[in-house]
């Protein structure tokens, strides 16, 4: 009598099952990376906004003490500002600017470019910190254009950003 061939009971996964698991893991990883980048960008934007508020508060305190707003980097460096350099777009030179009015000593503006690509501006007349949603061009001395948008009639007193030595004490570098 001949017996039927015995099949071994093999436990394991087929190639299709393994491929499906790999695809699902890849999709989950992609979702996680996108979510992380969004959170990181929002935290950089929040840091920029906080830095601008700090600059504004310290600038107002300087005005109360001295009777005028800072007019150059020397005066600006005495207000004790510290900013978070990792939040700024360091691929361009003009990533943080303080501007003042040549006509009115009580008017100034601050503009900053976040690593996320967002541009934030503060103008002393409006007293508002706002996100700029227009086209951004950083060629030449274009930071003065942002100063004029935030506070008409202002001109830049700085534009060296993190690449210039004047801003490095603010960043603790």
Protein backbone atom coordinates (compact mmCIF):
# COMPACT_ATOMS: atom_id res chain seq x y z
CA UNK A 1 0.00 0.00 0.00
CA UNK A 2 1.29 3.37 -0.89
CA UNK A 3 0.77 6.23 1.41
CA UNK A 4 0.05 9.75 0.33
CA UNK A 5 3.01 12.08 0.56
CA UNK A 6 3.11 13.93 3.82
CA UNK A 7 3.30 17.71 3.69
CA UNK A 8 5.29 19.38 6.33
CA UNK A 9 3.40 22.05 8.21
CA UNK A 10 5.58 25.09 7.44
CA UNK A 11 4.98 28.19 9.51
CA UNK A 12 6.00 31.50 8.02
CA UNK A 13 4.97 34.47 5.95
CA UNK A 14 4.60 34.60 2.22
CA UNK A 15 6.47 37.17 0.17
CA UNK A 16 3.19 39.04 -0.46
CA UNK A 17 2.50 39.34 3.26
CA UNK A 18 6.00 40.67 3.86
CA UNK A 19 5.67 43.23 1.06
CA UNK A 20 2.36 44.45 2.46
CA UNK A 21 3.92 44.95 5.89
CA UNK A 22 6.86 46.87 4.37
CA UNK A 23 4.50 49.15 2.41
CA UNK A 24 2.39 49.86 5.52
CA UNK A 25 5.52 50.71 7.54
CA UNK A 26 6.68 53.05 4.74
CA UNK A 27 3.32 54.85 4.68
CA UNK A 28 3.36 55.29 8.46
CA UNK A 29 6.92 56.62 8.33
CA UNK A 30 5.98 59.16 5.64
CA UNK A 31 3.01 60.38 7.68
CA UNK A 32 5.20 60.73 10.77
CA UNK A 33 7.88 62.72 8.92
CA UNK A 34 5.31 65.13 7.45
CA UNK A 35 3.68 65.64 10.86
CA UNK A 36 7.07 66.23 12.50
CA UNK A 37 8.07 68.82 9.91
CA UNK A 38 4.79 70.67 10.49
CA UNK A 39 5.32 70.73 14.25
CA UNK A 40 8.93 71.80 13.82
CA UNK A 41 7.92 74.66 11.50
CA UNK A 42 5.26 75.89 13.92
CA UNK A 43 7.75 75.82 16.80
CA UNK A 44 10.27 77.84 14.74
CA UNK A 45 7.56 80.38 13.90
CA UNK A 46 6.55 80.65 17.56
CA UNK A 47 10.19 81.21 18.52
CA UNK A 48 10.55 83.98 15.92
CA UNK A 49 7.39 85.69 17.17
CA UNK A 50 8.63 85.45 20.75
CA UNK A 51 11.99 86.95 19.72
CA UNK A 52 10.29 89.88 17.98
CA UNK A 53 8.08 90.52 21.03
CA UNK A 54 11.21 90.48 23.21
CA UNK A 55 12.98 92.96 20.91
CA UNK A 56 9.93 95.23 20.96
CA UNK A 57 9.60 95.11 24.76
CA UNK A 58 13.29 95.79 25.30
CA UNK A 59 13.20 98.58 22.71
CA UNK A 60 10.30 100.24 24.56
CA UNK A 61 12.18 99.84 27.86
CA UNK A 62 15.23 101.50 26.23
CA UNK A 63 13.00 104.38 25.15
CA UNK A 64 11.65 104.84 28.68
CA UNK A 65 15.16 104.86 30.12
CA UNK A 66 16.98 106.92 27.46
CA UNK A 67 14.17 109.02 25.98
CA UNK A 68 14.59 107.65 22.46
CA UNK A 69 14.58 104.37 20.55
CA UNK A 70 17.85 102.70 19.51
CA UNK A 71 19.26 104.25 16.33
CA UNK A 72 22.19 101.98 15.50
CA UNK A 73 23.71 98.60 16.29
CA UNK A 74 25.73 99.99 19.18
CA UNK A 75 22.61 101.24 20.95
CA UNK A 76 20.68 98.15 19.92
CA UNK A 77 23.30 95.85 21.40
CA UNK A 78 22.83 97.43 24.84
CA UNK A 79 19.19 96.34 25.24
CA UNK A 80 20.13 92.76 26.15
CA UNK A 81 18.23 90.80 23.52
CA UNK A 82 18.77 87.04 23.16
CA UNK A 83 17.24 85.19 20.23
CA UNK A 84 17.08 81.56 19.14
CA UNK A 85 19.39 81.24 16.11
CA UNK A 86 18.12 77.77 15.16
CA UNK A 87 14.69 79.20 14.33
CA UNK A 88 16.00 81.60 11.66
CA UNK A 89 16.61 80.92 7.99
CA UNK A 90 20.40 81.09 7.85
CA UNK A 91 20.60 80.57 4.08
CA UNK A 92 20.15 84.31 3.58
CA UNK A 93 21.89 87.27 5.11
CA UNK A 94 18.89 89.44 6.01
CA UNK A 95 17.01 87.12 8.34
CA UNK A 96 16.48 89.60 11.20
CA UNK A 97 16.32 93.38 10.81
CA UNK A 98 15.62 96.32 13.08
CA UNK A 99 14.65 99.50 11.26
CA UNK A 100 13.95 103.03 12.41
CA UNK A 101 12.28 106.08 10.93
CA UNK A 102 14.52 108.90 9.76
CA UNK A 103 11.58 111.31 10.13
CA UNK A 104 10.09 110.27 13.48
CA UNK A 105 12.21 108.98 16.37
CA UNK A 106 9.17 107.15 17.79
CA UNK A 107 8.75 104.80 14.83
CA UNK A 108 10.59 101.54 14.25
CA UNK A 109 10.05 98.14 12.69
CA UNK A 110 11.37 94.61 13.13
CA UNK A 111 11.25 91.87 10.53
CA UNK A 112 12.42 88.25 10.70
CA UNK A 113 12.50 85.22 8.42
CA UNK A 114 11.79 81.85 10.02
CA UNK A 115 13.52 78.65 8.95
CA UNK A 116 10.01 77.46 7.99
CA UNK A 117 9.92 80.22 5.34
CA UNK A 118 7.43 82.46 7.17
CA UNK A 119 8.18 86.19 7.40
CA UNK A 120 7.03 88.14 10.48
CA UNK A 121 6.93 91.91 10.82
CA UNK A 122 6.23 94.40 13.59
CA UNK A 123 5.55 98.10 13.05
CA UNK A 124 5.49 100.50 16.00
CA UNK A 125 2.60 102.57 14.62
CA UNK A 126 0.22 99.63 14.32
CA UNK A 127 1.71 97.85 17.32
CA UNK A 128 0.95 94.56 15.59
CA UNK A 129 3.11 91.54 14.98
CA UNK A 130 1.91 90.08 11.69
CA UNK A 131 2.86 87.36 9.25
CA UNK A 132 3.73 88.71 5.81
CA UNK A 133 2.09 86.65 3.07
CA UNK A 134 3.34 88.48 -0.03
CA UNK A 135 6.19 87.50 -2.32
CA UNK A 136 9.61 87.38 -0.69
CA UNK A 137 12.79 88.43 -2.49
CA UNK A 138 16.10 88.73 -0.65
CA UNK A 139 18.37 90.41 -3.14
CA UNK A 140 20.52 93.40 -2.38
CA UNK A 141 19.19 95.38 0.55
CA UNK A 142 15.63 94.07 0.30
CA UNK A 143 15.31 93.91 4.07
CA UNK A 144 14.59 97.65 3.91
CA UNK A 145 11.52 96.85 1.80
CA UNK A 146 10.18 94.76 4.68
CA UNK A 147 10.89 97.62 7.07
CA UNK A 148 8.85 99.96 4.85
CA UNK A 149 6.00 97.44 4.71
CA UNK A 150 5.91 97.05 8.49
CA UNK A 151 6.41 100.75 9.21
CA UNK A 152 6.23 103.15 6.24
CA UNK A 153 9.14 105.58 6.14
CA UNK A 154 11.61 103.43 8.05
CA UNK A 155 15.07 102.50 6.86
CA UNK A 156 17.26 99.62 7.95
CA UNK A 157 19.86 100.13 10.59
CA UNK A 158 21.06 96.58 10.20
CA UNK A 159 20.90 93.80 7.73
CA UNK A 160 23.78 91.65 8.68
CA UNK A 161 21.67 88.89 10.19
CA UNK A 162 23.49 86.03 11.84
CA UNK A 163 26.39 86.27 9.42
CA UNK A 164 27.43 89.62 10.85
CA UNK A 165 29.25 89.85 14.15
CA UNK A 166 26.82 92.47 15.49
CA UNK A 167 23.99 89.92 15.79
CA UNK A 168 26.04 87.09 17.26
CA UNK A 169 25.81 88.31 20.89
CA UNK A 170 22.02 88.22 20.56
CA UNK A 171 22.19 84.59 19.57
CA UNK A 172 24.76 83.70 22.17
CA UNK A 173 27.28 82.69 19.47
